[in-house]
């Protein structure tokens, strides 16, 4: 019974992982093909979103009654969001450099999660988990490489991140499909069932 529940959980996790991987593959292809355009879009969308959020908080504060203003943080939140929006718009290069850290961290976390999954699978399912382990380690190494050695040129940075993201997400997609296939075509480990 416990084995069946774990099998169902892994199937559900794997399906969600496939969707996330496909979305990230599309994003990585866009980063590779249109690096400068994608960087500009990301910077201005985030800057615009912060600016709009700041305006909403700012206006909300002045529409509140005097009693409600005492407990409201809207004025401070509005000013901070407006300043952040202006900062991002006028410091695009610094923001773009931070993008490498975010993507590197994403790849490392995903690799560590897959590393944990490989250890869990080898205990409950009778199949060779070494390839999943190897892919996970490769993803962690690539993620650390992005974090430790960011590329200074914005276009080169974006293309390199897109390539690394594409490689890691394709590996993750292959691994997930392999896990689903093995779950559907293998027996649960006897030691786990007992």
C-alpha atoms as a PDB file:
ATOM      1  CA  UNK A   1       0.000   0.000   0.000  1.00  0.00           C
ATOM      2  CA  UNK A   2       2.817   2.417   0.963  1.00  0.00           C
ATOM      3  CA  UNK A   3       4.628   1.534  -2.259  1.00  0.00           C
ATOM      4  CA  UNK A   4       1.552   2.411  -4.337  1.00  0.00           C
ATOM      5  CA  UNK A   5       1.175   5.778  -2.581  1.00  0.00           C
ATOM      6  CA  UNK A   6       4.822   6.634  -3.246  1.00  0.00           C
ATOM      7  CA  UNK A   7       4.467   5.546  -6.876  1.00  0.00           C
ATOM      8  CA  UNK A   8       1.444   7.862  -7.283  1.00  0.00           C
ATOM      9  CA  UNK A   9       3.276  10.735  -5.582  1.00  0.00           C
ATOM     10  CA  UNK A  10       6.309  10.329  -7.867  1.00  0.00           C
ATOM     11  CA  UNK A  11       4.025  10.196 -10.938  1.00  0.00           C
ATOM     12  CA  UNK A  12       2.291  13.422  -9.870  1.00  0.00           C
ATOM     13  CA  UNK A  13       5.640  15.109  -9.153  1.00  0.00           C
ATOM     14  CA  UNK A  14       7.031  13.905 -12.492  1.00  0.00           C
ATOM     15  CA  UNK A  15       4.104  15.320 -14.495  1.00  0.00           C
ATOM     16  CA  UNK A  16       4.512  18.727 -12.820  1.00  0.00           C
ATOM     17  CA  UNK A  17       8.253  18.516 -13.469  1.00  0.00           C
ATOM     18  CA  UNK A  18       7.642  17.853 -17.199  1.00  0.00           C
ATOM     19  CA  UNK A  19       5.460  20.982 -17.485  1.00  0.00           C
ATOM     20  CA  UNK A  20       8.060  23.112 -15.641  1.00  0.00           C
ATOM     21  CA  UNK A  21      10.860  21.719 -17.825  1.00  0.00           C
ATOM     22  CA  UNK A  22       8.989  22.458 -21.077  1.00  0.00           C
ATOM     23  CA  UNK A  23       8.346  26.059 -19.943  1.00  0.00           C
ATOM     24  CA  UNK A  24      12.002  26.502 -18.981  1.00  0.00           C
ATOM     25  CA  UNK A  25      13.158  24.983 -22.305  1.00  0.00           C
ATOM     26  CA  UNK A  26      11.050  27.539 -24.211  1.00  0.00           C
ATOM     27  CA  UNK A  27      12.472  30.338 -22.022  1.00  0.00           C
ATOM     28  CA  UNK A  28      16.035  29.105 -22.592  1.00  0.00           C
ATOM     29  CA  UNK A  29      15.553  28.986 -26.387  1.00  0.00           C
ATOM     30  CA  UNK A  30      14.294  32.593 -26.283  1.00  0.00           C
ATOM     31  CA  UNK A  31      17.339  33.582 -24.202  1.00  0.00           C
ATOM     32  CA  UNK A  32      19.652  31.988 -26.807  1.00  0.00           C
ATOM     33  CA  UNK A  33      17.916  33.297 -29.952  1.00  0.00           C
ATOM     34  CA  UNK A  34      16.964  36.802 -28.733  1.00  0.00           C
ATOM     35  CA  UNK A  35      19.385  37.579 -25.858  1.00  0.00           C
ATOM     36  CA  UNK A  36      19.389  41.397 -25.965  1.00  0.00           C
ATOM     37  CA  UNK A  37      15.651  41.626 -26.561  1.00  0.00           C
ATOM     38  CA  UNK A  38      14.913  39.194 -23.727  1.00  0.00           C
ATOM     39  CA  UNK A  39      17.143  41.121 -21.327  1.00  0.00           C
ATOM     40  CA  UNK A  40      15.454  44.407 -22.195  1.00  0.00           C
ATOM     41  CA  UNK A  41      12.005  42.846 -21.815  1.00  0.00           C
ATOM     42  CA  UNK A  42      12.836  41.297 -18.431  1.00  0.00           C
ATOM     43  CA  UNK A  43      14.316  44.533 -17.060  1.00  0.00           C
ATOM     44  CA  UNK A  44      11.485  46.780 -18.239  1.00  0.00           C
ATOM     45  CA  UNK A  45       8.681  44.386 -17.266  1.00  0.00           C
ATOM     46  CA  UNK A  46      10.053  44.065 -13.724  1.00  0.00           C
ATOM     47  CA  UNK A  47      10.712  47.800 -13.492  1.00  0.00           C
ATOM     48  CA  UNK A  48       7.205  48.567 -14.784  1.00  0.00           C
ATOM     49  CA  UNK A  49       5.581  46.052 -12.430  1.00  0.00           C
ATOM     50  CA  UNK A  50       7.375  47.569  -9.426  1.00  0.00           C
ATOM     51  CA  UNK A  51       6.409  51.080 -10.521  1.00  0.00           C
ATOM     52  CA  UNK A  52       2.718  50.164 -10.983  1.00  0.00           C
ATOM     53  CA  UNK A  53       2.672  48.319  -7.650  1.00  0.00           C
ATOM     54  CA  UNK A  54       4.177  51.394  -5.981  1.00  0.00           C
ATOM     55  CA  UNK A  55       1.581  53.701  -7.516  1.00  0.00           C
ATOM     56  CA  UNK A  56      -1.260  51.420  -6.391  1.00  0.00           C
ATOM     57  CA  UNK A  57       0.011  51.405  -2.784  1.00  0.00           C
ATOM     58  CA  UNK A  58       0.629  55.155  -2.899  1.00  0.00           C
ATOM     59  CA  UNK A  59      -2.881  55.966  -4.174  1.00  0.00           C
ATOM     60  CA  UNK A  60      -4.457  53.415  -1.814  1.00  0.00           C
ATOM     61  CA  UNK A  61      -2.877  55.149   1.182  1.00  0.00           C
ATOM     62  CA  UNK A  62      -4.496  58.492   0.323  1.00  0.00           C
ATOM     63  CA  UNK A  63      -7.922  56.929  -0.294  1.00  0.00           C
ATOM     64  CA  UNK A  64      -8.010  55.384   3.206  1.00  0.00           C
ATOM     65  CA  UNK A  65      -9.817  57.040   6.091  1.00  0.00           C
ATOM     66  CA  UNK A  66      -7.691  58.752   8.734  1.00  0.00           C
ATOM     67  CA  UNK A  67      -8.307  55.896  11.201  1.00  0.00           C
ATOM     68  CA  UNK A  68      -7.220  53.245   8.667  1.00  0.00           C
ATOM     69  CA  UNK A  69      -4.070  55.178   7.674  1.00  0.00           C
ATOM     70  CA  UNK A  70      -2.728  54.742  11.203  1.00  0.00           C
ATOM     71  CA  UNK A  71      -2.428  50.982  10.629  1.00  0.00           C
ATOM     72  CA  UNK A  72      -1.553  51.095   6.930  1.00  0.00           C
ATOM     73  CA  UNK A  73       1.901  50.442   5.457  1.00  0.00           C
ATOM     74  CA  UNK A  74       0.756  51.442   1.976  1.00  0.00           C
ATOM     75  CA  UNK A  75       2.638  54.756   1.882  1.00  0.00           C
ATOM     76  CA  UNK A  76       5.984  53.147   2.785  1.00  0.00           C
ATOM     77  CA  UNK A  77       5.360  50.134   0.492  1.00  0.00           C
ATOM     78  CA  UNK A  78       4.418  52.487  -2.341  1.00  0.00           C
ATOM     79  CA  UNK A  79       7.523  54.644  -1.949  1.00  0.00           C
ATOM     80  CA  UNK A  80       9.823  51.589  -1.713  1.00  0.00           C
ATOM     81  CA  UNK A  81       8.255  49.936  -4.786  1.00  0.00           C
ATOM     82  CA  UNK A  82       8.477  53.188  -6.801  1.00  0.00           C
ATOM     83  CA  UNK A  83      12.144  53.612  -5.834  1.00  0.00           C
ATOM     84  CA  UNK A  84      12.859  49.960  -6.683  1.00  0.00           C
ATOM     85  CA  UNK A  85      11.184  50.375 -10.093  1.00  0.00           C
ATOM     86  CA  UNK A  86      13.256  53.479 -10.859  1.00  0.00           C
ATOM     87  CA  UNK A  87      16.429  51.759  -9.581  1.00  0.00           C
ATOM     88  CA  UNK A  88      15.899  48.705 -11.838  1.00  0.00           C
ATOM     89  CA  UNK A  89      15.153  50.901 -14.875  1.00  0.00           C
ATOM     90  CA  UNK A  90      18.283  53.031 -14.405  1.00  0.00           C
ATOM     91  CA  UNK A  91      20.585  50.215 -13.244  1.00  0.00           C
ATOM     92  CA  UNK A  92      19.734  47.571 -15.816  1.00  0.00           C
ATOM     93  CA  UNK A  93      23.309  46.225 -15.980  1.00  0.00           C
ATOM     94  CA  UNK A  94      23.444  45.503 -12.231  1.00  0.00           C
ATOM     95  CA  UNK A  95      20.043  43.848 -12.420  1.00  0.00           C
ATOM     96  CA  UNK A  96      21.110  41.723 -15.409  1.00  0.00           C
ATOM     97  CA  UNK A  97      24.242  40.578 -13.520  1.00  0.00           C
ATOM     98  CA  UNK A  98      21.999  39.396 -10.674  1.00  0.00           C
ATOM     99  CA  UNK A  99      20.065  37.308 -13.208  1.00  0.00           C
ATOM    100  CA  UNK A 100      23.055  34.954 -13.497  1.00  0.00           C
ATOM    101  CA  UNK A 101      22.923  34.293  -9.751  1.00  0.00           C
ATOM    102  CA  UNK A 102      19.179  33.562  -9.865  1.00  0.00           C
ATOM    103  CA  UNK A 103      19.470  31.147 -12.802  1.00  0.00           C
ATOM    104  CA  UNK A 104      22.553  29.480 -11.276  1.00  0.00           C
ATOM    105  CA  UNK A 105      20.700  29.034  -7.987  1.00  0.00           C
ATOM    106  CA  UNK A 106      17.656  27.592  -9.821  1.00  0.00           C
ATOM    107  CA  UNK A 107      19.851  25.014 -11.595  1.00  0.00           C
ATOM    108  CA  UNK A 108      21.626  24.048  -8.343  1.00  0.00           C
ATOM    109  CA  UNK A 109      18.334  23.624  -6.432  1.00  0.00           C
ATOM    110  CA  UNK A 110      16.803  21.560  -9.241  1.00  0.00           C
ATOM    111  CA  UNK A 111      19.939  19.389  -9.372  1.00  0.00           C
ATOM    112  CA  UNK A 112      19.882  18.849  -5.588  1.00  0.00           C
ATOM    113  CA  UNK A 113      16.182  17.885  -5.697  1.00  0.00           C
ATOM    114  CA  UNK A 114      16.922  15.374  -8.456  1.00  0.00           C
ATOM    115  CA  UNK A 115      19.895  14.081  -6.452  1.00  0.00           C
ATOM    116  CA  UNK A 116      17.584  13.407  -3.503  1.00  0.00           C
ATOM    117  CA  UNK A 117      15.066  11.738  -5.836  1.00  0.00           C
ATOM    118  CA  UNK A 118      17.775   9.406  -7.197  1.00  0.00           C
ATOM    119  CA  UNK A 119      18.604   8.230  -3.661  1.00  0.00           C
ATOM    120  CA  UNK A 120      14.934   7.715  -2.823  1.00  0.00           C
ATOM    121  CA  UNK A 121      14.240   5.792  -6.028  1.00  0.00           C
ATOM    122  CA  UNK A 122      17.143   3.382  -5.573  1.00  0.00           C
ATOM    123  CA  UNK A 123      15.566   2.294  -2.265  1.00  0.00           C
ATOM    124  CA  UNK A 124      12.066   1.567  -3.559  1.00  0.00           C
ATOM    125  CA  UNK A 125      12.330   0.620  -7.234  1.00  0.00           C
ATOM    126  CA  UNK A 126      14.421  -2.056  -8.898  1.00  0.00           C
ATOM    127  CA  UNK A 127      16.228  -0.184 -11.680  1.00  0.00           C
ATOM    128  CA  UNK A 128      19.552   1.471 -12.388  1.00  0.00           C
ATOM    129  CA  UNK A 129      19.361   4.910 -10.705  1.00  0.00           C
ATOM    130  CA  UNK A 130      22.984   5.832 -11.517  1.00  0.00           C
ATOM    131  CA  UNK A 131      22.067   7.865 -14.649  1.00  0.00           C
ATOM    132  CA  UNK A 132      19.602  10.010 -12.710  1.00  0.00           C
ATOM    133  CA  UNK A 133      22.310  10.557 -10.073  1.00  0.00           C
ATOM    134  CA  UNK A 134      24.850  11.504 -12.781  1.00  0.00           C
ATOM    135  CA  UNK A 135      22.465  13.995 -14.452  1.00  0.00           C
ATOM    136  CA  UNK A 136      21.687  15.573 -11.070  1.00  0.00           C
ATOM    137  CA  UNK A 137      25.393  15.994 -10.225  1.00  0.00           C
ATOM    138  CA  UNK A 138      26.003  17.503 -13.687  1.00  0.00           C
ATOM    139  CA  UNK A 139      23.181  20.035 -13.113  1.00  0.00           C
ATOM    140  CA  UNK A 140      24.591  21.030  -9.709  1.00  0.00           C
ATOM    141  CA  UNK A 141      28.093  21.539 -11.206  1.00  0.00           C
ATOM    142  CA  UNK A 142      26.690  23.664 -14.059  1.00  0.00           C
ATOM    143  CA  UNK A 143      24.675  25.779 -11.624  1.00  0.00           C
ATOM    144  CA  UNK A 144      27.691  26.379  -9.392  1.00  0.00           C
ATOM    145  CA  UNK A 145      29.731  27.300 -12.497  1.00  0.00           C
ATOM    146  CA  UNK A 146      27.175  29.997 -13.420  1.00  0.00           C
ATOM    147  CA  UNK A 147      27.218  31.427  -9.885  1.00  0.00           C
ATOM    148  CA  UNK A 148      31.025  31.406  -9.486  1.00  0.00           C
ATOM    149  CA  UNK A 149      31.934  32.558 -13.039  1.00  0.00           C
ATOM    150  CA  UNK A 150      29.261  34.985 -14.289  1.00  0.00           C
ATOM    151  CA  UNK A 151      29.817  36.379 -17.795  1.00  0.00           C
ATOM    152  CA  UNK A 152      30.180  40.172 -17.837  1.00  0.00           C
ATOM    153  CA  UNK A 153      28.774  40.890 -21.271  1.00  0.00           C
ATOM    154  CA  UNK A 154      24.987  41.017 -21.097  1.00  0.00           C
ATOM    155  CA  UNK A 155      24.363  39.250 -24.406  1.00  0.00           C
ATOM    156  CA  UNK A 156      27.004  36.593 -23.761  1.00  0.00           C
ATOM    157  CA  UNK A 157      25.624  36.125 -20.257  1.00  0.00           C
ATOM    158  CA  UNK A 158      22.119  35.628 -21.528  1.00  0.00           C
ATOM    159  CA  UNK A 159      23.142  33.204 -24.275  1.00  0.00           C
ATOM    160  CA  UNK A 160      25.345  31.184 -21.907  1.00  0.00           C
ATOM    161  CA  UNK A 161      22.570  31.029 -19.303  1.00  0.00           C
ATOM    162  CA  UNK A 162      20.118  30.028 -22.008  1.00  0.00           C
ATOM    163  CA  UNK A 163      22.404  27.216 -23.190  1.00  0.00           C
ATOM    164  CA  UNK A 164      23.054  25.928 -19.651  1.00  0.00           C
ATOM    165  CA  UNK A 165      19.357  26.203 -18.783  1.00  0.00           C
ATOM    166  CA  UNK A 166      18.441  24.365 -21.985  1.00  0.00           C
ATOM    167  CA  UNK A 167      20.930  21.543 -21.285  1.00  0.00           C
ATOM    168  CA  UNK A 168      19.820  21.102 -17.655  1.00  0.00           C
ATOM    169  CA  UNK A 169      16.102  21.204 -18.478  1.00  0.00           C
ATOM    170  CA  UNK A 170      16.467  18.721 -21.358  1.00  0.00           C
ATOM    171  CA  UNK A 171      18.371  16.407 -18.978  1.00  0.00           C
ATOM    172  CA  UNK A 172      15.667  16.901 -16.351  1.00  0.00           C
ATOM    173  CA  UNK A 173      12.940  16.158 -18.910  1.00  0.00           C
ATOM    174  CA  UNK A 174      14.708  12.970 -20.082  1.00  0.00           C
ATOM    175  CA  UNK A 175      15.196  11.887 -16.483  1.00  0.00           C
ATOM    176  CA  UNK A 176      11.529  12.502 -15.602  1.00  0.00           C
ATOM    177  CA  UNK A 177      10.283  10.581 -18.641  1.00  0.00           C
ATOM    178  CA  UNK A 178      12.690   7.745 -17.737  1.00  0.00           C
ATOM    179  CA  UNK A 179      11.372   7.659 -14.149  1.00  0.00           C
ATOM    180  CA  UNK A 180       7.748   7.562 -15.352  1.00  0.00           C
ATOM    181  CA  UNK A 181       8.589   4.787 -17.820  1.00  0.00           C
ATOM    182  CA  UNK A 182      10.361   2.752 -15.128  1.00  0.00           C
ATOM    183  CA  UNK A 183       7.538   3.285 -12.636  1.00  0.00           C
ATOM    184  CA  UNK A 184       5.057   1.902 -15.151  1.00  0.00           C
ATOM    185  CA  UNK A 185       7.262  -1.068 -16.141  1.00  0.00           C
ATOM    186  CA  UNK A 186       8.958  -2.211 -12.921  1.00  0.00           C
ATOM    187  CA  UNK A 187       8.093  -3.963  -9.684  1.00  0.00           C
ATOM    188  CA  UNK A 188       8.474  -2.306  -6.304  1.00  0.00           C
ATOM    189  CA  UNK A 189      11.477  -3.482  -4.297  1.00  0.00           C
ATOM    190  CA  UNK A 190      10.522  -6.439  -2.094  1.00  0.00           C
ATOM    191  CA  UNK A 191      12.496  -5.030   0.832  1.00  0.00           C
ATOM    192  CA  UNK A 192      10.441  -1.814   0.667  1.00  0.00           C
ATOM    193  CA  UNK A 193       7.069  -3.598   0.436  1.00  0.00           C
ATOM    194  CA  UNK A 194       7.920  -5.833   3.408  1.00  0.00           C
END
